[in-house]
Amino acid sequence: MERTNSTDRRRFLTTGAAVLGATAAAQMWLPQVAQTIEPPLPHGVFSLGVASGDPLPDGIVLWTRLAPKPLSGGGMPDRAVTVQWEVAEDERFKGIVRRGTARAVPGLAHSVHVDVRGLRPDRAYWYRFRTGGQISPVGRTRTAPDPQRSGGRLRVALASCQNWQHGYFTPYADMLHQDPDVVLFVGDYIYEGRPSSTAVRRHEGADEPYTLVQYRNRHAQYRTDPLLVAMHAAAPWVVTFDDHEVDNDFAGEVPQDPDKQSHRAFVARRTAAYQAYYEHMPVRTSAVPNGPHIQMYRRLEFGRLARLNVLDTRQFRTDQATSQKGARNPSATMLGARQKRWLLDGLHRSPAQWNLIASQIMMAETDLQVGPGKLWYYDAWDGYQAERNAFLKELATVRNPVVLSGDRHMTMVSDLRRDFADPRSAVVGAEFVGTSVSSGGDPDLKAFHRDWDPRKADNPHWKLIDTHRGYHLFDIRHDGIDAQVRVPSTVLRPRSASRTFARLRVEAGKPGVRRVCAGCEAPLRGAQSYGRAPRASGAHPCLRHRVLRPLRRR
């Protein structure tokens, strides 16, 4: 997207009250709208902040949830409440372009999802809510570019796996500073684990969530993190779920532990989890769950620069394999027949220069076996190899495909090959597996290298693997994608300095990815890099200058 209104954008990011949640007294009151007089509400109904998502050229979804007691079921009266909303071209709301009212109902936890239309493409907008004499913090969002526009730049932040108990959501402080146009979150927004007395931060409740109220409380706890609140208020999000929003490693209607959860009990649990997920995400009402089903795979367009295909790799998959034979089962599916047809049709018919695929789990092979033989993660695409191989064959005819994934709690950047059984097979695309926001806590680098360095030779398609926490930042232009791996020094504190650990580039028309020098962005020697710290001089080998260039910190 074009970076217009840059002064307003910088001012919004540096105004702590607007970003981290301004009080009502610090804000201008919304104009009174004719409405029925309603009984007073408890104080603090906007405790969970505001959010926006799924940008269109002419529209955006605005979200909030009224919850004065967020960890105790919400604390709202058992009645519908009228909520006013406004959208303006400036943060002072002098140029209001849209306004209206919405109904926050008990059946959806008093959440509000407003699908605003009639906006201008590729524009920054500010929004806010009001009810019962209380006003929300101000949020800033942005619409997608005009459908016919092919130029410009799109800045995307890729995040996943934020475990409350493993650390603070520190990477969002840096993400705020980097000012992305859109945040892509590919799963594990919450974790369903029971509370731990030794955790950095303790989960609410006494056990894993199973009921709707319990899932609502868990989502609400995560939504109280100030940095997460701030990042939601600063840019539109595009979200999808993985397993921990429901149950670890579930597949379709099969739980992780079917001997402990009956089919009926797990369907009820999935129903509750999906409803709570919808209630807390800035998605359109087309995603309102139908019992244990939710429509989450969808497609978003960013002009003719990029098409984003958001997948659902949990709801329709067959049960995970438990053997190599099972991993090669031709009837095993990750996507289901309908979603697979939708995806392939969207890729082959795309007018976009870049075809992005948001996949919750890793698509490239991970061979864990050192030396001869193979050992795979069956929960990832390695466990569905017939479907993956057929899909990679299709990717060979797609313009500039790039897969954006999560789940691993590691950065894993790879070439996508048509046949991973043959390391000489053609490269058909690139994959960026983003690391976790906090899951796994601060890394043990020695243990990481001890476990993973011996596997390098068996995975020649890897271009970078690393175990730091953080996120990936992409600057997408017509001629290429420049990627940064942004890492904080620790997630054991809410704030810490972040730096660019690595830079990578995907060239338009050249499938695959290469690592570049962080100092001058020239290609680095060698096919692979594995996340080791720079040499003692703080440098990387640079092919262009044939000298050691310093690793630039930011």
Protein backbone atom coordinates (compact mmCIF):
# COMPACT_ATOMS: atom_id res chain seq x y z
CA MET A 1 0.00 0.00 0.00
CA GLU A 2 1.09 3.56 -0.49
CA ARG A 3 2.36 5.10 2.73
CA THR A 4 0.13 8.17 2.66
CA ASN A 5 -0.77 10.23 5.72
CA SER A 6 2.67 9.35 7.12
CA THR A 7 2.66 12.25 9.57
CA ASP A 8 -0.67 11.18 11.02
CA ARG A 9 0.48 7.55 11.16
CA ARG A 10 3.66 8.44 13.05
CA ARG A 11 1.77 10.69 15.42
CA PHE A 12 -0.72 7.91 16.14
CA LEU A 13 2.07 5.43 16.92
CA THR A 14 3.89 7.83 19.22
CA THR A 15 0.79 9.00 21.07
CA GLY A 16 0.69 6.54 23.93
CA ALA A 17 -2.85 7.35 24.96
CA ALA A 18 -4.23 6.52 21.53
CA VAL A 19 -2.18 3.38 21.10
CA LEU A 20 -2.30 1.86 24.56
CA GLY A 21 -5.86 2.83 25.42
CA ALA A 22 -6.89 6.37 26.16
CA THR A 23 -9.31 7.13 28.94
CA ALA A 24 -12.68 8.61 28.15
CA ALA A 25 -11.68 11.93 29.64
CA ALA A 26 -8.83 12.27 27.16
CA GLN A 27 -11.07 11.78 24.14
CA MET A 28 -13.59 13.97 22.34
CA TRP A 29 -17.12 12.75 22.95
CA LEU A 30 -19.07 11.31 20.08
CA PRO A 31 -22.03 13.37 18.97
CA GLN A 32 -25.28 12.26 20.52
CA VAL A 33 -27.29 9.89 18.36
CA ALA A 34 -31.03 9.57 18.86
CA GLN A 35 -31.64 6.34 20.74
CA THR A 36 -33.78 4.70 23.34
CA ILE A 37 -32.75 5.53 26.91
CA GLU A 38 -31.10 2.45 28.37
CA PRO A 39 -30.19 1.63 31.98
CA PRO A 40 -26.64 2.54 33.01
CA LEU A 41 -23.83 0.09 32.33
CA PRO A 42 -20.99 -0.97 34.61
CA HIS A 43 -17.82 1.08 34.36
CA GLY A 44 -15.05 -0.08 32.01
CA VAL A 45 -17.04 -1.72 29.21
CA PHE A 46 -14.19 -1.16 26.71
CA SER A 47 -11.57 -3.01 28.77
CA LEU A 48 -10.59 -5.23 25.80
CA GLY A 49 -9.88 -2.36 23.42
CA VAL A 50 -10.75 -2.16 19.73
CA ALA A 51 -9.62 -3.88 16.56
CA SER A 52 -10.13 -3.94 12.80
CA GLY A 53 -9.63 -6.61 10.17
CA ASP A 54 -10.07 -8.10 6.71
CA PRO A 55 -9.53 -4.87 4.71
CA LEU A 56 -11.30 -4.38 1.39
CA PRO A 57 -10.80 -1.51 -1.08
CA ASP A 58 -14.02 0.08 0.17
CA GLY A 59 -14.48 -1.47 3.60
CA ILE A 60 -13.16 -2.78 6.89
CA VAL A 61 -14.44 -4.78 9.86
CA LEU A 62 -14.47 -2.90 13.17
CA TRP A 63 -14.54 -4.87 16.44
CA THR A 64 -14.97 -4.39 20.13
CA ARG A 65 -16.46 -6.36 23.00
CA LEU A 66 -18.20 -4.87 26.02
CA ALA A 67 -16.65 -6.58 29.04
CA PRO A 68 -16.28 -4.64 32.32
CA LYS A 69 -15.29 -7.90 34.05
CA PRO A 70 -13.41 -9.69 31.26
CA LEU A 71 -12.18 -12.67 33.30
CA SER A 72 -15.55 -13.36 34.90
CA GLY A 73 -17.82 -13.92 31.93
CA GLY A 74 -17.76 -10.29 30.85
CA GLY A 75 -19.83 -8.69 33.59
CA MET A 76 -22.49 -7.24 31.28
CA PRO A 77 -26.22 -7.22 32.03
CA ASP A 78 -28.28 -9.89 30.28
CA ARG A 79 -29.71 -7.62 27.61
CA ALA A 80 -28.82 -6.16 24.24
CA VAL A 81 -26.96 -2.85 24.26
CA THR A 82 -26.83 -0.19 21.56
CA VAL A 83 -23.28 0.81 20.57
CA GLN A 84 -22.47 3.85 18.45
CA TRP A 85 -19.50 3.83 16.08
CA GLU A 86 -17.71 6.44 13.99
CA VAL A 87 -15.08 6.38 11.26
CA ALA A 88 -13.06 9.49 10.41
CA GLU A 89 -10.27 10.59 8.09
CA ASP A 90 -8.29 12.05 11.00
CA GLU A 91 -7.56 11.02 14.58
CA ARG A 92 -9.35 14.10 15.96
CA PHE A 93 -12.54 13.07 14.17
CA LYS A 94 -13.02 16.39 12.42
CA GLY A 95 -13.71 14.62 9.12
CA ILE A 96 -16.23 11.91 9.98
CA VAL A 97 -17.08 9.81 6.92
CA ARG A 98 -19.25 7.03 8.39
CA ARG A 99 -21.24 6.54 11.58
CA GLY A 100 -23.96 4.26 12.82
CA THR A 101 -25.14 1.97 15.59
CA ALA A 102 -24.81 -1.74 16.30
CA ARG A 103 -26.42 -4.10 18.79
CA ALA A 104 -24.20 -5.95 21.24
CA VAL A 105 -26.16 -9.02 22.33
CA PRO A 106 -25.56 -11.48 25.21
CA GLY A 107 -25.60 -14.47 22.85
CA LEU A 108 -22.35 -13.21 21.25
CA ALA A 109 -20.75 -12.01 24.50
CA HIS A 110 -21.71 -8.41 23.70
CA SER A 111 -19.16 -8.39 20.88
CA VAL A 112 -19.57 -5.92 18.03
CA HIS A 113 -18.62 -6.62 14.41
CA VAL A 114 -19.31 -3.65 12.12
CA ASP A 115 -18.71 -4.19 8.40
CA VAL A 116 -18.16 -0.60 7.25
CA ARG A 117 -18.46 0.05 3.52
CA GLY A 118 -18.26 3.10 1.28
CA LEU A 119 -14.67 3.97 2.20
CA ARG A 120 -11.92 5.00 -0.18
CA PRO A 121 -9.19 2.55 -1.21
CA ASP A 122 -5.69 2.61 0.27
CA ARG A 123 -6.56 5.12 2.96
CA ALA A 124 -5.88 5.38 6.69
CA TYR A 125 -8.98 5.83 8.86
CA TRP A 126 -9.62 6.26 12.56
CA TYR A 127 -12.56 4.76 14.45
CA ARG A 128 -14.12 4.57 17.91
CA PHE A 129 -17.18 3.29 19.78
CA ARG A 130 -19.44 4.72 22.47
CA THR A 131 -22.15 3.32 24.71
CA GLY A 132 -23.69 4.23 28.04
CA GLY A 133 -21.68 7.45 28.29
CA GLN A 134 -18.39 5.56 27.88
CA ILE A 135 -16.04 5.90 24.94
CA SER A 136 -13.55 3.42 23.56
CA PRO A 137 -9.89 3.98 22.76
CA VAL A 138 -9.30 5.22 19.22
CA GLY A 139 -8.19 2.69 16.62
CA ARG A 140 -6.50 3.25 13.30
CA THR A 141 -7.04 1.06 10.27
CA ARG A 142 -6.44 1.03 6.53
CA THR A 143 -8.36 -0.08 3.45
CA ALA A 144 -6.89 -2.22 0.68
CA PRO A 145 -5.69 -0.63 -2.59
CA ASP A 146 -7.85 -0.18 -5.65
CA PRO A 147 -8.41 -3.55 -7.37
CA GLN A 148 -6.78 -2.35 -10.59
CA ARG A 149 -3.66 -0.91 -8.99
CA SER A 150 -0.50 -2.95 -9.59
CA GLY A 151 2.22 -0.80 -8.01
CA GLY A 152 2.95 0.48 -4.56
CA ARG A 153 4.16 -1.39 -1.50
CA LEU A 154 2.45 -3.62 1.02
CA ARG A 155 4.03 -4.10 4.45
CA VAL A 156 2.86 -7.27 6.20
CA ALA A 157 3.78 -8.50 9.68
CA LEU A 158 3.53 -12.29 10.17
CA ALA A 159 2.87 -13.53 13.71
CA SER A 160 1.71 -16.69 15.47
CA CYS A 161 1.86 -18.69 18.69
CA GLN A 162 1.45 -16.33 21.64
CA ASN A 163 1.41 -18.30 24.88
CA TRP A 164 0.44 -16.15 27.86
CA GLN A 165 2.26 -18.39 30.32
CA HIS A 166 5.58 -18.55 28.43
CA GLY A 167 6.29 -14.84 28.30
CA TYR A 168 5.12 -11.35 27.54
CA PHE A 169 4.01 -10.38 24.04
CA THR A 170 7.16 -8.29 23.68
CA PRO A 171 7.50 -8.50 19.86
CA TYR A 172 4.41 -6.32 19.43
CA ALA A 173 6.27 -3.33 20.86
CA ASP A 174 8.67 -3.50 17.93
CA MET A 175 5.90 -4.32 15.47
CA LEU A 176 4.15 -1.09 16.47
CA HIS A 177 7.30 0.84 15.62
CA GLN A 178 7.60 -0.90 12.22
CA ASP A 179 4.09 0.28 11.28
CA PRO A 180 2.76 -2.57 9.08
CA ASP A 181 -0.19 -2.07 6.75
CA VAL A 182 -1.68 -5.36 7.92
CA VAL A 183 -0.91 -8.03 10.53
CA LEU A 184 -1.31 -11.66 9.43
CA PHE A 185 -1.82 -13.98 12.41
CA VAL A 186 -1.73 -17.65 11.42
CA GLY A 187 -2.75 -19.47 14.56
CA ASP A 188 -2.48 -20.20 18.28
CA TYR A 189 -3.87 -16.84 19.36
CA ILE A 190 -4.66 -18.41 22.73
CA TYR A 191 -3.45 -21.59 24.42
CA GLU A 192 -5.86 -23.97 26.07
CA GLY A 193 -3.36 -25.27 28.64
CA ARG A 194 -4.26 -25.37 32.30
CA PRO A 195 -2.74 -22.77 34.67
CA SER A 196 0.85 -23.29 35.81
CA SER A 197 2.16 -21.97 39.11
CA THR A 198 5.69 -21.70 37.66
CA ALA A 199 4.72 -19.77 34.52
CA VAL A 200 5.88 -16.26 33.70
CA ARG A 201 2.19 -15.28 33.70
CA ARG A 202 -0.51 -17.63 34.97
CA HIS A 203 -3.53 -18.64 32.89
CA GLU A 204 -6.89 -17.76 34.39
CA GLY A 205 -9.25 -20.49 35.61
CA ALA A 206 -8.51 -23.83 37.21
CA ASP A 207 -8.21 -26.11 34.17
CA GLU A 208 -8.30 -26.18 30.38
CA PRO A 209 -11.34 -24.43 28.88
CA TYR A 210 -14.16 -26.69 27.74
CA THR A 211 -17.28 -24.52 27.97
CA LEU A 212 -18.20 -21.31 26.17
CA VAL A 213 -17.73 -19.19 29.28
CA GLN A 214 -14.31 -20.72 29.91
CA TYR A 215 -13.15 -20.03 26.34
CA ARG A 216 -14.48 -16.48 26.59
CA ASN A 217 -12.48 -15.92 29.77
CA ARG A 218 -9.31 -17.30 28.21
CA HIS A 219 -9.65 -15.08 25.12
CA ALA A 220 -10.43 -12.10 27.33
CA GLN A 221 -7.31 -12.68 29.41
CA TYR A 222 -5.14 -12.59 26.28
CA ARG A 223 -6.96 -9.47 25.13
CA THR A 224 -5.88 -7.65 28.29
CA ASP A 225 -2.21 -7.72 27.25
CA PRO A 226 -1.43 -4.03 26.65
CA LEU A 227 0.90 -4.60 23.70
CA LEU A 228 -1.58 -6.90 21.97
CA VAL A 229 -4.31 -4.32 22.57
CA ALA A 230 -2.07 -1.62 21.12
CA MET A 231 -1.19 -3.59 17.99
CA HIS A 232 -4.84 -4.39 17.32
CA ALA A 233 -5.61 -0.67 17.58
CA ALA A 234 -2.79 0.31 15.21
CA ALA A 235 -3.45 -1.78 12.07
CA PRO A 236 -5.98 -4.18 10.54
CA TRP A 237 -5.47 -7.89 11.24
CA VAL A 238 -6.16 -10.95 9.10
CA VAL A 239 -6.51 -13.98 11.36
CA THR A 240 -6.94 -17.72 11.21
CA PHE A 241 -6.74 -20.40 13.90
CA ASP A 242 -4.61 -23.48 14.42
CA ASP A 243 -5.04 -26.11 17.14
CA HIS A 244 -4.57 -24.39 20.51
CA GLU A 245 -7.64 -22.20 20.04
CA VAL A 246 -9.50 -25.50 20.59
CA ASP A 247 -7.34 -28.47 21.63
CA ASN A 248 -3.72 -29.38 20.98
CA ASP A 249 -3.19 -31.33 17.74
CA PHE A 250 -6.88 -31.92 17.06
CA ALA A 251 -7.86 -32.99 13.54
CA GLY A 252 -11.38 -32.33 12.29
CA GLU A 253 -13.64 -33.77 14.97
CA VAL A 254 -10.89 -35.95 16.48
CA PRO A 255 -9.39 -34.60 19.73
CA GLN A 256 -5.81 -35.06 20.83
CA ASP A 257 -6.90 -37.67 23.39
CA PRO A 258 -10.02 -39.50 22.11
CA ASP A 259 -9.76 -41.95 24.99
CA LYS A 260 -10.47 -39.04 27.36
CA GLN A 261 -12.85 -36.94 25.22
CA SER A 262 -15.80 -38.62 23.58
CA HIS A 263 -16.81 -37.51 20.11
CA ARG A 264 -19.92 -35.83 21.48
CA ALA A 265 -17.98 -34.03 24.18
CA PHE A 266 -15.33 -32.82 21.73
CA VAL A 267 -17.91 -31.54 19.23
CA ALA A 268 -19.45 -29.53 22.07
CA ARG A 269 -15.99 -28.24 23.01
CA ARG A 270 -15.21 -27.26 19.41
CA THR A 271 -18.58 -25.50 19.18
CA ALA A 272 -17.76 -23.43 22.26
CA ALA A 273 -14.21 -22.68 21.09
CA TYR A 274 -15.26 -21.51 17.64
CA GLN A 275 -17.96 -19.23 19.01
CA ALA A 276 -15.55 -17.62 21.50
CA TYR A 277 -13.01 -17.24 18.70
CA TYR A 278 -15.50 -15.41 16.50
CA GLU A 279 -16.57 -13.20 19.41
CA HIS A 280 -13.00 -11.96 19.90
CA MET A 281 -11.76 -11.58 16.31
CA PRO A 282 -12.22 -8.72 13.79
CA VAL A 283 -13.85 -10.90 11.13
CA ARG A 284 -17.04 -10.51 9.13
CA THR A 285 -20.36 -11.98 10.18
CA SER A 286 -19.92 -14.58 7.43
CA ALA A 287 -17.72 -16.29 10.05
CA VAL A 288 -20.51 -16.62 12.63
CA PRO A 289 -20.20 -20.30 13.61
CA ASN A 290 -22.84 -22.86 12.75
CA GLY A 291 -22.47 -25.19 15.70
CA PRO A 292 -19.05 -26.88 15.46
CA HIS A 293 -18.35 -25.33 12.03
CA ILE A 294 -16.94 -21.93 11.13
CA GLN A 295 -16.12 -20.40 7.74
CA MET A 296 -12.54 -19.23 8.08
CA TYR A 297 -10.80 -19.83 4.75
CA ARG A 298 -11.18 -16.76 2.58
CA ARG A 299 -9.39 -14.55 0.09
CA LEU A 300 -8.29 -10.91 0.30
CA GLU A 301 -6.98 -8.75 -2.53
CA PHE A 302 -4.39 -5.98 -2.27
CA GLY A 303 -4.77 -4.46 -5.71
CA ARG A 304 -2.97 -6.42 -8.38
CA LEU A 305 0.11 -6.53 -6.18
CA ALA A 306 -0.89 -9.41 -3.91
CA ARG A 307 -3.67 -11.93 -3.41
CA LEU A 308 -3.85 -13.48 0.07
CA ASN A 309 -5.41 -16.94 0.40
CA VAL A 310 -6.13 -17.67 4.07
CA LEU A 311 -6.40 -21.40 4.79
CA ASP A 312 -8.10 -23.52 7.43
CA THR A 313 -5.85 -26.53 7.95
CA ARG A 314 -7.62 -27.90 11.07
CA GLN A 315 -11.35 -28.11 10.53
CA PHE A 316 -11.41 -30.35 7.47
CA ARG A 317 -8.32 -32.53 7.86
CA THR A 318 -8.39 -36.27 8.30
CA ASP A 319 -6.77 -37.64 11.43
CA GLN A 320 -2.98 -37.39 11.66
CA ALA A 321 -0.83 -40.24 10.46
CA THR A 322 1.22 -42.26 12.93
CA SER A 323 3.60 -43.88 10.45
CA GLN A 324 5.41 -43.23 7.19
CA LYS A 325 2.86 -45.36 5.38
CA GLY A 326 0.06 -43.28 6.81
CA ALA A 327 1.84 -40.06 5.84
CA ARG A 328 1.79 -41.25 2.21
CA ASN A 329 -1.88 -42.27 2.27
CA PRO A 330 -3.42 -40.85 -0.94
CA SER A 331 -6.80 -40.36 0.74
CA ALA A 332 -5.42 -38.24 3.62
CA THR A 333 -6.35 -34.57 3.32
CA MET A 334 -5.33 -31.40 5.07
CA LEU A 335 -7.77 -29.09 3.30
CA GLY A 336 -10.81 -31.14 2.35
CA ALA A 337 -12.06 -31.36 -1.22
CA ARG A 338 -14.06 -28.11 -1.28
CA GLN A 339 -11.32 -25.91 0.18
CA LYS A 340 -8.72 -27.51 -2.09
CA ARG A 341 -10.76 -26.67 -5.21
CA TRP A 342 -11.30 -23.13 -3.92
CA LEU A 343 -7.57 -22.65 -3.34
CA LEU A 344 -6.41 -24.00 -6.68
CA ASP A 345 -9.02 -22.01 -8.56
CA GLY A 346 -7.94 -18.82 -6.79
CA LEU A 347 -4.28 -19.44 -7.50
CA HIS A 348 -4.64 -20.29 -11.18
CA ARG A 349 -7.05 -17.43 -11.90
CA SER A 350 -5.20 -14.82 -9.88
CA PRO A 351 -4.43 -11.46 -11.55
CA ALA A 352 -1.94 -10.62 -8.79
CA GLN A 353 1.83 -10.41 -9.06
CA TRP A 354 2.24 -12.25 -5.75
CA ASN A 355 0.10 -15.16 -4.61
CA LEU A 356 0.37 -15.48 -0.85
CA ILE A 357 -0.89 -18.55 1.02
CA ALA A 358 -1.47 -18.32 4.77
CA SER A 359 -1.03 -21.87 6.04
CA GLN A 360 -1.11 -22.48 9.77
CA ILE A 361 1.41 -25.30 9.57
CA MET A 362 4.68 -25.86 7.69
CA MET A 363 4.49 -27.03 4.08
CA ALA A 364 8.19 -27.74 3.36
CA GLU A 365 9.66 -31.03 4.48
CA THR A 366 11.29 -31.42 7.88
CA ASP A 367 13.36 -34.59 7.93
CA LEU A 368 14.22 -35.20 11.56
CA GLN A 369 16.26 -38.32 10.86
CA VAL A 370 20.00 -37.71 10.68
CA GLY A 371 21.45 -39.77 7.86
CA PRO A 372 19.58 -42.35 5.74
CA GLY A 373 15.83 -42.67 6.13
CA LYS A 374 13.09 -40.17 6.94
CA LEU A 375 11.33 -39.06 10.11
CA TRP A 376 8.59 -36.44 9.85
CA TYR A 377 6.25 -34.26 11.89
CA TYR A 378 2.94 -35.91 11.09
CA ASP A 379 0.89 -32.94 12.33
CA ALA A 380 2.32 -30.73 9.55
CA TRP A 381 2.08 -31.10 5.76
CA ASP A 382 4.68 -33.89 6.05
CA GLY A 383 1.85 -36.06 7.35
CA TYR A 384 -0.25 -35.43 4.21
CA GLN A 385 2.33 -35.98 1.51
CA ALA A 386 0.15 -37.12 -1.38
CA GLU A 387 -1.96 -33.98 -1.13
CA ARG A 388 1.11 -31.79 -0.61
CA ASN A 389 2.97 -33.27 -3.58
CA ALA A 390 -0.02 -32.75 -5.85
CA PHE A 391 -0.31 -29.18 -4.60
CA LEU A 392 3.38 -28.44 -5.15
CA LYS A 393 2.99 -29.70 -8.71
CA GLU A 394 0.20 -27.15 -9.18
CA LEU A 395 2.37 -24.39 -7.70
CA ALA A 396 4.79 -24.80 -10.60
CA THR A 397 2.21 -23.06 -12.82
CA VAL A 398 1.27 -20.28 -10.35
CA ARG A 399 2.77 -16.80 -10.55
CA ASN A 400 5.13 -16.05 -7.64
CA PRO A 401 3.67 -18.25 -4.87
CA VAL A 402 4.83 -17.62 -1.30
CA VAL A 403 3.59 -19.60 1.71
CA LEU A 404 3.40 -17.88 5.12
CA SER A 405 3.15 -20.29 8.04
CA GLY A 406 3.54 -20.63 11.80
CA ASP A 407 3.19 -23.37 14.45
CA ARG A 408 6.84 -24.38 14.88
CA HIS A 409 7.98 -21.76 17.42
CA MET A 410 10.98 -21.37 15.11
CA THR A 411 11.91 -19.40 12.04
CA MET A 412 12.18 -21.87 9.17
CA VAL A 413 12.63 -20.36 5.70
CA SER A 414 12.74 -22.80 2.80
CA ASP A 415 12.58 -23.30 -0.91
CA LEU A 416 9.49 -25.28 -1.86
CA ARG A 417 10.51 -28.11 -4.17
CA ARG A 418 8.25 -30.05 -6.47
CA ASP A 419 9.42 -33.32 -4.93
CA PHE A 420 11.22 -33.30 -1.58
CA ALA A 421 12.28 -36.89 -2.15
CA ASP A 422 14.53 -35.53 -4.91
CA PRO A 423 16.72 -32.62 -3.70
CA ARG A 424 17.45 -31.78 -7.36
CA SER A 425 13.79 -31.28 -8.26
CA ALA A 426 12.59 -27.87 -9.38
CA VAL A 427 11.99 -25.06 -6.91
CA VAL A 428 8.36 -23.95 -7.27
CA GLY A 429 8.00 -21.38 -4.47
CA ALA A 430 9.17 -20.07 -1.10
CA GLU A 431 7.95 -20.58 2.44
CA PHE A 432 8.42 -18.44 5.54
CA VAL A 433 7.56 -20.21 8.78
CA GLY A 434 7.33 -17.44 11.34
CA THR A 435 8.60 -17.97 14.85
CA SER A 436 6.42 -17.58 17.94
CA VAL A 437 5.52 -14.35 19.68
CA SER A 438 6.18 -15.91 23.09
CA SER A 439 5.57 -19.68 22.96
CA GLY A 440 8.63 -21.54 24.17
CA GLY A 441 9.92 -18.55 26.14
CA ASP A 442 13.47 -17.36 25.75
CA PRO A 443 15.42 -19.88 23.64
CA ASP A 444 18.21 -22.18 24.70
CA LEU A 445 20.55 -21.56 21.78
CA LYS A 446 23.04 -24.27 22.68
CA ALA A 447 20.31 -26.90 22.86
CA PHE A 448 18.85 -25.67 19.58
CA HIS A 449 22.11 -26.01 17.68
CA ARG A 450 22.86 -29.36 19.29
CA ASP A 451 19.50 -30.72 18.12
CA TRP A 452 19.14 -29.05 14.72
CA ASP A 453 22.58 -28.53 13.22
CA PRO A 454 23.06 -32.27 12.54
CA ARG A 455 19.88 -32.22 10.42
CA LYS A 456 21.08 -29.58 7.99
CA ALA A 457 22.50 -31.95 5.42
CA ASP A 458 19.23 -33.88 5.23
CA ASN A 459 17.22 -30.72 4.54
CA PRO A 460 19.09 -28.83 1.79
CA HIS A 461 15.99 -26.77 0.99
CA TRP A 462 16.27 -24.90 4.32
CA LYS A 463 17.64 -21.38 3.85
CA LEU A 464 17.39 -20.21 7.45
CA ILE A 465 16.38 -21.82 10.72
CA ASP A 466 16.49 -20.04 14.07
CA THR A 467 14.85 -20.34 17.48
CA HIS A 468 14.50 -16.74 18.71
CA ARG A 469 11.05 -15.38 19.50
CA GLY A 470 9.69 -12.56 17.35
CA TYR A 471 7.90 -12.10 14.01
CA HIS A 472 8.58 -11.64 10.29
CA LEU A 473 8.17 -8.36 8.43
CA PHE A 474 7.63 -8.28 4.66
CA ASP A 475 7.89 -5.36 2.26
CA ILE A 476 6.13 -6.52 -0.90
CA ARG A 477 6.74 -4.68 -4.15
CA HIS A 478 6.19 -5.61 -7.78
CA ASP A 479 9.78 -6.75 -8.31
CA GLY A 480 10.32 -8.64 -5.08
CA ILE A 481 9.63 -9.31 -1.42
CA ASP A 482 12.13 -8.14 1.19
CA ALA A 483 11.75 -9.99 4.48
CA GLN A 484 13.14 -9.32 7.93
CA VAL A 485 13.25 -11.66 10.90
CA ARG A 486 12.71 -9.34 13.87
CA VAL A 487 13.71 -10.69 17.29
CA PRO A 488 13.60 -9.21 20.81
CA SER A 489 16.35 -9.86 23.33
CA THR A 490 13.86 -11.45 25.74
CA VAL A 491 10.16 -12.14 26.26
CA LEU A 492 10.56 -12.40 30.02
CA ARG A 493 9.97 -8.66 30.21
CA PRO A 494 7.20 -6.63 28.53
CA ARG A 495 9.73 -4.44 26.73
CA SER A 496 13.14 -5.20 25.28
CA ALA A 497 15.25 -4.03 22.36
CA SER A 498 14.57 -5.78 19.04
CA ARG A 499 16.81 -6.21 16.03
CA THR A 500 16.82 -7.60 12.53
CA PHE A 501 18.29 -11.07 12.92
CA ALA A 502 18.24 -11.83 9.20
CA ARG A 503 17.16 -10.40 5.85
CA LEU A 504 15.90 -12.46 2.94
CA ARG A 505 14.57 -11.76 -0.53
CA VAL A 506 12.26 -13.39 -3.03
CA GLU A 507 12.67 -12.13 -6.59
CA ALA A 508 9.65 -11.91 -8.86
CA GLY A 509 9.80 -14.62 -11.52
CA LYS A 510 12.49 -16.59 -9.65
CA PRO A 511 10.97 -19.25 -7.38
CA GLY A 512 12.67 -19.69 -4.04
CA VAL A 513 14.27 -17.46 -1.44
CA ARG A 514 17.79 -16.28 -0.69
CA ARG A 515 19.37 -14.70 2.35
CA VAL A 516 20.99 -11.28 1.92
CA CYS A 517 23.48 -9.26 3.90
CA ALA A 518 21.83 -7.29 6.69
CA GLY A 519 24.25 -4.44 6.05
CA CYS A 520 24.11 -4.01 2.27
CA GLU A 521 21.46 -6.56 1.19
CA ALA A 522 23.82 -8.34 -1.22
CA PRO A 523 23.58 -12.16 -1.49
CA LEU A 524 25.34 -14.21 1.15
CA ARG A 525 27.69 -17.05 0.39
CA GLY A 526 26.31 -20.56 0.68
CA ALA A 527 22.89 -22.06 0.20
CA GLN A 528 21.95 -22.30 3.85
CA SER A 529 22.13 -20.35 7.09
CA TYR A 530 21.06 -21.88 10.34
CA GLY A 531 20.54 -19.15 12.82
CA ARG A 532 23.98 -18.96 14.39
CA ALA A 533 25.08 -15.64 15.74
CA PRO A 534 27.31 -13.49 13.51
CA ARG A 535 31.05 -13.96 13.70
CA ALA A 536 33.03 -12.30 16.44
CA SER A 537 33.32 -9.14 14.33
CA GLY A 538 29.52 -8.97 14.11
CA ALA A 539 29.54 -9.61 10.38
CA HIS A 540 28.18 -11.77 7.58
CA PRO A 541 30.08 -12.84 4.43
CA CYS A 542 28.94 -10.71 1.50
CA LEU A 543 29.33 -11.88 -2.09
CA ARG A 544 29.10 -8.42 -3.60
CA HIS A 545 31.97 -6.88 -1.67
CA ARG A 546 33.82 -10.08 -0.80
CA VAL A 547 34.48 -8.63 2.61
CA LEU A 548 32.74 -8.93 5.94
CA ARG A 549 29.97 -6.39 6.25
CA PRO A 550 28.66 -5.45 9.72
CA LEU A 551 25.29 -6.74 10.86
CA ARG A 552 23.16 -3.64 11.11
CA ARG A 553 21.05 -3.40 14.23
CA ARG A 554 17.84 -1.48 14.43
